[in-house]
Amino acid sequence: MRTTLAIDDDVFAVAKRLAADERQSVGSVLSALARQALKANPQTPRVRNGVPLLSVQPVSAAVTPELIKQLQDDLP
């Protein structure tokens, strides 16, 4: 499908470089990146015990009871 999009210059530059590295068109690189982003964020939230779960980055620190206690101790 052919369409016109406004893409920021920095995003286009990276897509163009990726396309050259992978010997693909810029359009196919951007389509693949869009598919990855759409798969990573499902439309329906995951729910556990009736509570919606929030997604976190893999490098996020775990919130432990010890961390909560430390933060409470730091409050004035």
PDB file of N, CA and C in Angstrom:
ATOM      1  N   MET A   1       0.851  -1.175   0.000  1.00  0.00           N
ATOM      2  CA  MET A   1       0.000   0.000   0.000  1.00  0.00           C
ATOM      3  C   MET A   1       0.894   1.235   0.000  1.00  0.00           C
ATOM      4  N   ARG A   2       0.560   2.192  -0.775  1.00  0.00           N
ATOM      5  CA  ARG A   2       1.345   3.412  -0.877  1.00  0.00           C
ATOM      6  C   ARG A   2       0.591   4.527  -0.166  1.00  0.00           C
ATOM      7  N   THR A   3       1.331   5.260   0.689  1.00  0.00           N
ATOM      8  CA  THR A   3       0.740   6.387   1.396  1.00  0.00           C
ATOM      9  C   THR A   3       1.836   7.395   1.702  1.00  0.00           C
ATOM     10  N   THR A   4       1.456   8.566   2.158  1.00  0.00           N
ATOM     11  CA  THR A   4       2.416   9.606   2.513  1.00  0.00           C
ATOM     12  C   THR A   4       2.388   9.802   4.017  1.00  0.00           C
ATOM     13  N   LEU A   5       3.568   9.785   4.628  1.00  0.00           N
ATOM     14  CA  LEU A   5       3.690   9.985   6.068  1.00  0.00           C
ATOM     15  C   LEU A   5       4.703  11.083   6.346  1.00  0.00           C
ATOM     16  N   ALA A   6       4.508  11.808   7.431  1.00  0.00           N
ATOM     17  CA  ALA A   6       5.505  12.771   7.901  1.00  0.00           C
ATOM     18  C   ALA A   6       6.350  12.057   8.953  1.00  0.00           C
ATOM     19  N   ILE A   7       7.625  11.857   8.648  1.00  0.00           N
ATOM     20  CA  ILE A   7       8.536  11.137   9.542  1.00  0.00           C
ATOM     21  C   ILE A   7       9.643  12.100   9.950  1.00  0.00           C
ATOM     22  N   ASP A   8       9.942  12.160  11.234  1.00  0.00           N
ATOM     23  CA  ASP A   8      11.011  13.030  11.717  1.00  0.00           C
ATOM     24  C   ASP A   8      12.328  12.677  11.038  1.00  0.00           C
ATOM     25  N   ASP A   9      13.153  13.704  10.827  1.00  0.00           N
ATOM     26  CA  ASP A   9      14.416  13.520  10.112  1.00  0.00           C
ATOM     27  C   ASP A   9      15.325  12.489  10.777  1.00  0.00           C
ATOM     28  N   ASP A  10      15.396  12.524  12.114  1.00  0.00           N
ATOM     29  CA  ASP A  10      16.292  11.582  12.802  1.00  0.00           C
ATOM     30  C   ASP A  10      15.811  10.143  12.645  1.00  0.00           C
ATOM     31  N   VAL A  11      14.499   9.940  12.666  1.00  0.00           N
ATOM     32  CA  VAL A  11      13.939   8.599  12.489  1.00  0.00           C
ATOM     33  C   VAL A  11      14.197   8.107  11.068  1.00  0.00           C
ATOM     34  N   PHE A  12      14.006   8.991  10.100  1.00  0.00           N
ATOM     35  CA  PHE A  12      14.238   8.609   8.708  1.00  0.00           C
ATOM     36  C   PHE A  12      15.708   8.267   8.469  1.00  0.00           C
ATOM     37  N   ALA A  13      16.611   9.030   9.086  1.00  0.00           N
ATOM     38  CA  ALA A  13      18.043   8.768   8.909  1.00  0.00           C
ATOM     39  C   ALA A  13      18.415   7.385   9.432  1.00  0.00           C
ATOM     40  N   VAL A  14      17.881   7.025  10.595  1.00  0.00           N
ATOM     41  CA  VAL A  14      18.170   5.700  11.161  1.00  0.00           C
ATOM     42  C   VAL A  14      17.551   4.611  10.292  1.00  0.00           C
ATOM     43  N   ALA A  15      16.323   4.818   9.849  1.00  0.00           N
ATOM     44  CA  ALA A  15      15.661   3.827   8.990  1.00  0.00           C
ATOM     45  C   ALA A  15      16.422   3.656   7.678  1.00  0.00           C
ATOM     46  N   LYS A  16      16.915   4.755   7.135  1.00  0.00           N
ATOM     47  CA  LYS A  16      17.674   4.697   5.885  1.00  0.00           C
ATOM     48  C   LYS A  16      18.976   3.915   6.078  1.00  0.00           C
ATOM     49  N   ARG A  17      19.648   4.147   7.218  1.00  0.00           N
ATOM     50  CA  ARG A  17      20.886   3.419   7.514  1.00  0.00           C
ATOM     51  C   ARG A  17      20.609   1.932   7.703  1.00  0.00           C
ATOM     52  N   LEU A  18      19.530   1.605   8.451  1.00  0.00           N
ATOM     53  CA  LEU A  18      19.159   0.199   8.641  1.00  0.00           C
ATOM     54  C   LEU A  18      18.835  -0.465   7.308  1.00  0.00           C
ATOM     55  N   ALA A  19      18.134   0.263   6.459  1.00  0.00           N
ATOM     56  CA  ALA A  19      17.770  -0.285   5.154  1.00  0.00           C
ATOM     57  C   ALA A  19      19.017  -0.587   4.327  1.00  0.00           C
ATOM     58  N   ALA A  20      19.981   0.309   4.364  1.00  0.00           N
ATOM     59  CA  ALA A  20      21.222   0.080   3.617  1.00  0.00           C
ATOM     60  C   ALA A  20      21.986  -1.108   4.194  1.00  0.00           C
ATOM     61  N   ASP A  21      22.057  -1.183   5.530  1.00  0.00           N
ATOM     62  CA  ASP A  21      22.767  -2.294   6.185  1.00  0.00           C
ATOM     63  C   ASP A  21      22.130  -3.637   5.852  1.00  0.00           C
ATOM     64  N   GLU A  22      20.802  -3.666   5.794  1.00  0.00           N
ATOM     65  CA  GLU A  22      20.070  -4.916   5.567  1.00  0.00           C
ATOM     66  C   GLU A  22      19.712  -5.134   4.096  1.00  0.00           C
ATOM     67  N   ARG A  23      20.124  -4.184   3.239  1.00  0.00           N
ATOM     68  CA  ARG A  23      19.832  -4.252   1.798  1.00  0.00           C
ATOM     69  C   ARG A  23      18.336  -4.438   1.533  1.00  0.00           C
ATOM     70  N   GLN A  24      17.570  -3.593   2.210  1.00  0.00           N
ATOM     71  CA  GLN A  24      16.119  -3.574   2.039  1.00  0.00           C
ATOM     72  C   GLN A  24      15.692  -2.144   1.748  1.00  0.00           C
ATOM     73  N   SER A  25      14.447  -1.981   1.383  1.00  0.00           N
ATOM     74  CA  SER A  25      13.929  -0.625   1.176  1.00  0.00           C
ATOM     75  C   SER A  25      13.617   0.013   2.528  1.00  0.00           C
ATOM     76  N   VAL A  26      13.608   1.331   2.535  1.00  0.00           N
ATOM     77  CA  VAL A  26      13.258   2.052   3.765  1.00  0.00           C
ATOM     78  C   VAL A  26      11.837   1.693   4.186  1.00  0.00           C
ATOM     79  N   GLY A  27      10.947   1.558   3.225  1.00  0.00           N
ATOM     80  CA  GLY A  27       9.559   1.205   3.533  1.00  0.00           C
ATOM     81  C   GLY A  27       9.435  -0.137   4.224  1.00  0.00           C
ATOM     82  N   SER A  28      10.204  -1.132   3.750  1.00  0.00           N
ATOM     83  CA  SER A  28      10.107  -2.453   4.383  1.00  0.00           C
ATOM     84  C   SER A  28      10.712  -2.439   5.782  1.00  0.00           C
ATOM     85  N   VAL A  29      11.772  -1.652   5.984  1.00  0.00           N
ATOM     86  CA  VAL A  29      12.363  -1.537   7.325  1.00  0.00           C
ATOM     87  C   VAL A  29      11.372  -0.871   8.274  1.00  0.00           C
ATOM     88  N   LEU A  30      10.760   0.229   7.831  1.00  0.00           N
ATOM     89  CA  LEU A  30       9.787   0.913   8.689  1.00  0.00           C
ATOM     90  C   LEU A  30       8.568   0.041   8.962  1.00  0.00           C
ATOM     91  N   SER A  31       8.135  -0.737   7.982  1.00  0.00           N
ATOM     92  CA  SER A  31       7.006  -1.648   8.196  1.00  0.00           C
ATOM     93  C   SER A  31       7.354  -2.702   9.236  1.00  0.00           C
ATOM     94  N   ALA A  32       8.557  -3.265   9.152  1.00  0.00           N
ATOM     95  CA  ALA A  32       8.981  -4.281  10.123  1.00  0.00           C
ATOM     96  C   ALA A  32       9.062  -3.690  11.527  1.00  0.00           C
ATOM     97  N   LEU A  33       9.600  -2.477  11.644  1.00  0.00           N
ATOM     98  CA  LEU A  33       9.690  -1.832  12.956  1.00  0.00           C
ATOM     99  C   LEU A  33       8.301  -1.523  13.515  1.00  0.00           C
ATOM    100  N   ALA A  34       7.387  -1.099  12.660  1.00  0.00           N
ATOM    101  CA  ALA A  34       6.018  -0.822  13.104  1.00  0.00           C
ATOM    102  C   ALA A  34       5.342  -2.103  13.577  1.00  0.00           C
ATOM    103  N   ARG A  35       5.547  -3.213  12.853  1.00  0.00           N
ATOM    104  CA  ARG A  35       4.969  -4.498  13.278  1.00  0.00           C
ATOM    105  C   ARG A  35       5.488  -4.902  14.657  1.00  0.00           C
ATOM    106  N   GLN A  36       6.801  -4.756  14.867  1.00  0.00           N
ATOM    107  CA  GLN A  36       7.385  -5.101  16.170  1.00  0.00           C
ATOM    108  C   GLN A  36       6.763  -4.265  17.276  1.00  0.00           C
ATOM    109  N   ALA A  37       6.620  -2.976  17.036  1.00  0.00           N
ATOM    110  CA  ALA A  37       6.055  -2.088  18.053  1.00  0.00           C
ATOM    111  C   ALA A  37       4.602  -2.431  18.341  1.00  0.00           C
ATOM    112  N   LEU A  38       3.848  -2.772  17.310  1.00  0.00           N
ATOM    113  CA  LEU A  38       2.437  -3.108  17.509  1.00  0.00           C
ATOM    114  C   LEU A  38       2.274  -4.435  18.239  1.00  0.00           C
ATOM    115  N   LYS A  39       3.150  -5.391  17.995  1.00  0.00           N
ATOM    116  CA  LYS A  39       3.084  -6.672  18.700  1.00  0.00           C
ATOM    117  C   LYS A  39       3.491  -6.516  20.156  1.00  0.00           C
ATOM    118  N   ALA A  40       4.408  -5.596  20.440  1.00  0.00           N
ATOM    119  CA  ALA A  40       4.922  -5.415  21.795  1.00  0.00           C
ATOM    120  C   ALA A  40       3.898  -4.779  22.725  1.00  0.00           C
ATOM    121  N   ASN A  41       2.908  -4.094  22.174  1.00  0.00           N
ATOM    122  CA  ASN A  41       1.901  -3.412  22.988  1.00  0.00           C
ATOM    123  C   ASN A  41       0.521  -3.946  22.646  1.00  0.00           C
ATOM    124  N   PRO A  42       0.125  -5.048  23.260  1.00  0.00           N
ATOM    125  CA  PRO A  42      -1.188  -5.611  22.937  1.00  0.00           C
ATOM    126  C   PRO A  42      -2.310  -4.639  23.303  1.00  0.00           C
ATOM    127  N   GLN A  43      -3.388  -4.706  22.538  1.00  0.00           N
ATOM    128  CA  GLN A  43      -4.534  -3.824  22.755  1.00  0.00           C
ATOM    129  C   GLN A  43      -5.245  -4.122  24.072  1.00  0.00           C
ATOM    130  N   THR A  44      -5.331  -5.394  24.425  1.00  0.00           N
ATOM    131  CA  THR A  44      -6.047  -5.754  25.640  1.00  0.00           C
ATOM    132  C   THR A  44      -5.051  -5.937  26.781  1.00  0.00           C
ATOM    133  N   PRO A  45      -5.278  -5.246  27.892  1.00  0.00           N
ATOM    134  CA  PRO A  45      -4.341  -5.365  29.009  1.00  0.00           C
ATOM    135  C   PRO A  45      -4.413  -6.747  29.652  1.00  0.00           C
ATOM    136  N   ARG A  46      -3.273  -7.222  30.119  1.00  0.00           N
ATOM    137  CA  ARG A  46      -3.265  -8.489  30.847  1.00  0.00           C
ATOM    138  C   ARG A  46      -3.835  -8.235  32.239  1.00  0.00           C
ATOM    139  N   VAL A  47      -4.565  -9.211  32.743  1.00  0.00           N
ATOM    140  CA  VAL A  47      -5.230  -9.071  34.042  1.00  0.00           C
ATOM    141  C   VAL A  47      -4.893 -10.280  34.895  1.00  0.00           C
ATOM    142  N   ARG A  48      -4.580 -10.033  36.170  1.00  0.00           N
ATOM    143  CA  ARG A  48      -4.357 -11.109  37.120  1.00  0.00           C
ATOM    144  C   ARG A  48      -5.209 -10.815  38.352  1.00  0.00           C
ATOM    145  N   ASN A  49      -6.057 -11.755  38.723  1.00  0.00           N
ATOM    146  CA  ASN A  49      -6.954 -11.609  39.875  1.00  0.00           C
ATOM    147  C   ASN A  49      -7.808 -10.346  39.770  1.00  0.00           C
ATOM    148  N   GLY A  50      -8.218 -10.023  38.549  1.00  0.00           N
ATOM    149  CA  GLY A  50      -9.075  -8.869  38.339  1.00  0.00           C
ATOM    150  C   GLY A  50      -8.352  -7.537  38.306  1.00  0.00           C
ATOM    151  N   VAL A  51      -7.018  -7.536  38.432  1.00  0.00           N
ATOM    152  CA  VAL A  51      -6.246  -6.296  38.450  1.00  0.00           C
ATOM    153  C   VAL A  51      -5.426  -6.205  37.159  1.00  0.00           C
ATOM    154  N   PRO A  52      -5.547  -5.103  36.405  1.00  0.00           N
ATOM    155  CA  PRO A  52      -4.738  -4.962  35.191  1.00  0.00           C
ATOM    156  C   PRO A  52      -3.254  -4.905  35.537  1.00  0.00           C
ATOM    157  N   LEU A  53      -2.442  -5.611  34.753  1.00  0.00           N
ATOM    158  CA  LEU A  53      -1.001  -5.624  34.967  1.00  0.00           C
ATOM    159  C   LEU A  53      -0.349  -4.562  34.099  1.00  0.00           C
ATOM    160  N   LEU A  54       0.626  -3.878  34.649  1.00  0.00           N
ATOM    161  CA  LEU A  54       1.378  -2.882  33.905  1.00  0.00           C
ATOM    162  C   LEU A  54       2.626  -3.538  33.344  1.00  0.00           C
ATOM    163  N   SER A  55       2.999  -3.167  32.140  1.00  0.00           N
ATOM    164  CA  SER A  55       4.218  -3.724  31.568  1.00  0.00           C
ATOM    165  C   SER A  55       5.406  -2.884  32.021  1.00  0.00           C
ATOM    166  N   VAL A  56       6.543  -3.537  32.195  1.00  0.00           N
ATOM    167  CA  VAL A  56       7.773  -2.858  32.594  1.00  0.00           C
ATOM    168  C   VAL A  56       8.881  -3.250  31.634  1.00  0.00           C
ATOM    169  N   GLN A  57       9.893  -2.425  31.599  1.00  0.00           N
ATOM    170  CA  GLN A  57      11.057  -2.722  30.780  1.00  0.00           C
ATOM    171  C   GLN A  57      11.846  -3.849  31.439  1.00  0.00           C
ATOM    172  N   PRO A  58      12.526  -4.678  30.652  1.00  0.00           N
ATOM    173  CA  PRO A  58      13.284  -5.798  31.223  1.00  0.00           C
ATOM    174  C   PRO A  58      14.354  -5.365  32.218  1.00  0.00           C
ATOM    175  N   VAL A  59      14.846  -4.143  32.097  1.00  0.00           N
ATOM    176  CA  VAL A  59      15.908  -3.685  32.995  1.00  0.00           C
ATOM    177  C   VAL A  59      15.359  -2.968  34.226  1.00  0.00           C
ATOM    178  N   SER A  60      14.055  -2.953  34.401  1.00  0.00           N
ATOM    179  CA  SER A  60      13.450  -2.286  35.549  1.00  0.00           C
ATOM    180  C   SER A  60      13.775  -3.038  36.830  1.00  0.00           C
ATOM    181  N   ALA A  61      14.004  -2.274  37.887  1.00  0.00           N
ATOM    182  CA  ALA A  61      14.287  -2.878  39.187  1.00  0.00           C
ATOM    183  C   ALA A  61      12.985  -3.374  39.809  1.00  0.00           C
ATOM    184  N   ALA A  62      13.075  -4.466  40.533  1.00  0.00           N
ATOM    185  CA  ALA A  62      11.903  -5.018  41.211  1.00  0.00           C
ATOM    186  C   ALA A  62      11.574  -4.165  42.430  1.00  0.00           C
ATOM    187  N   VAL A  63      10.285  -3.994  42.686  1.00  0.00           N
ATOM    188  CA  VAL A  63       9.849  -3.278  43.879  1.00  0.00           C
ATOM    189  C   VAL A  63       9.659  -4.316  44.971  1.00  0.00           C
ATOM    190  N   THR A  64      10.523  -4.276  45.952  1.00  0.00           N
ATOM    191  CA  THR A  64      10.505  -5.246  47.042  1.00  0.00           C
ATOM    192  C   THR A  64      10.009  -4.580  48.316  1.00  0.00           C
ATOM    193  N   PRO A  65       9.584  -5.373  49.298  1.00  0.00           N
ATOM    194  CA  PRO A  65       9.206  -4.778  50.581  1.00  0.00           C
ATOM    195  C   PRO A  65      10.349  -3.969  51.201  1.00  0.00           C
ATOM    196  N   GLU A  66      11.583  -4.416  50.996  1.00  0.00           N
ATOM    197  CA  GLU A  66      12.739  -3.698  51.537  1.00  0.00           C
ATOM    198  C   GLU A  66      12.869  -2.313  50.897  1.00  0.00           C
ATOM    199  N   LEU A  67      12.653  -2.246  49.581  1.00  0.00           N
ATOM    200  CA  LEU A  67      12.730  -0.964  48.883  1.00  0.00           C
ATOM    201  C   LEU A  67      11.636  -0.029  49.377  1.00  0.00           C
ATOM    202  N   ILE A  68      10.429  -0.541  49.555  1.00  0.00           N
ATOM    203  CA  ILE A  68       9.324   0.281  50.055  1.00  0.00           C
ATOM    204  C   ILE A  68       9.647   0.803  51.448  1.00  0.00           C
ATOM    205  N   LYS A  69      10.181  -0.055  52.309  1.00  0.00           N
ATOM    206  CA  LYS A  69      10.552   0.355  53.673  1.00  0.00           C
ATOM    207  C   LYS A  69      11.615   1.453  53.627  1.00  0.00           C
ATOM    208  N   GLN A  70      12.610   1.284  52.765  1.00  0.00           N
ATOM    209  CA  GLN A  70      13.669   2.281  52.646  1.00  0.00           C
ATOM    210  C   GLN A  70      13.097   3.620  52.183  1.00  0.00           C
ATOM    211  N   LEU A  71      12.199   3.590  51.207  1.00  0.00           N
ATOM    212  CA  LEU A  71      11.587   4.823  50.725  1.00  0.00           C
ATOM    213  C   LEU A  71      10.733   5.478  51.807  1.00  0.00           C
ATOM    214  N   GLN A  72      10.026   4.669  52.589  1.00  0.00           N
ATOM    215  CA  GLN A  72       9.225   5.220  53.685  1.00  0.00           C
ATOM    216  C   GLN A  72      10.123   5.853  54.742  1.00  0.00           C
ATOM    217  N   ASP A  73      11.265   5.230  55.015  1.00  0.00           N
ATOM    218  CA  ASP A  73      12.196   5.772  56.003  1.00  0.00           C
ATOM    219  C   ASP A  73      12.793   7.100  55.543  1.00  0.00           C
ATOM    220  N   ASP A  74      12.904   7.287  54.234  1.00  0.00           N
ATOM    221  CA  ASP A  74      13.482   8.514  53.694  1.00  0.00           C
ATOM    222  C   ASP A  74      12.493   9.674  53.690  1.00  0.00           C
ATOM    223  N   LEU A  75      11.201   9.397  53.914  1.00  0.00           N
ATOM    224  CA  LEU A  75      10.205  10.464  53.941  1.00  0.00           C
ATOM    225  C   LEU A  75      10.425  11.349  55.159  1.00  0.00           C
ATOM    226  N   PRO A  76      10.105  12.654  55.019  1.00  0.00           N
ATOM    227  CA  PRO A  76      10.264  13.561  56.180  1.00  0.00           C
ATOM    228  C   PRO A  76       9.272  13.270  57.283  1.00  0.00           C
TER     229      PRO A  76
END
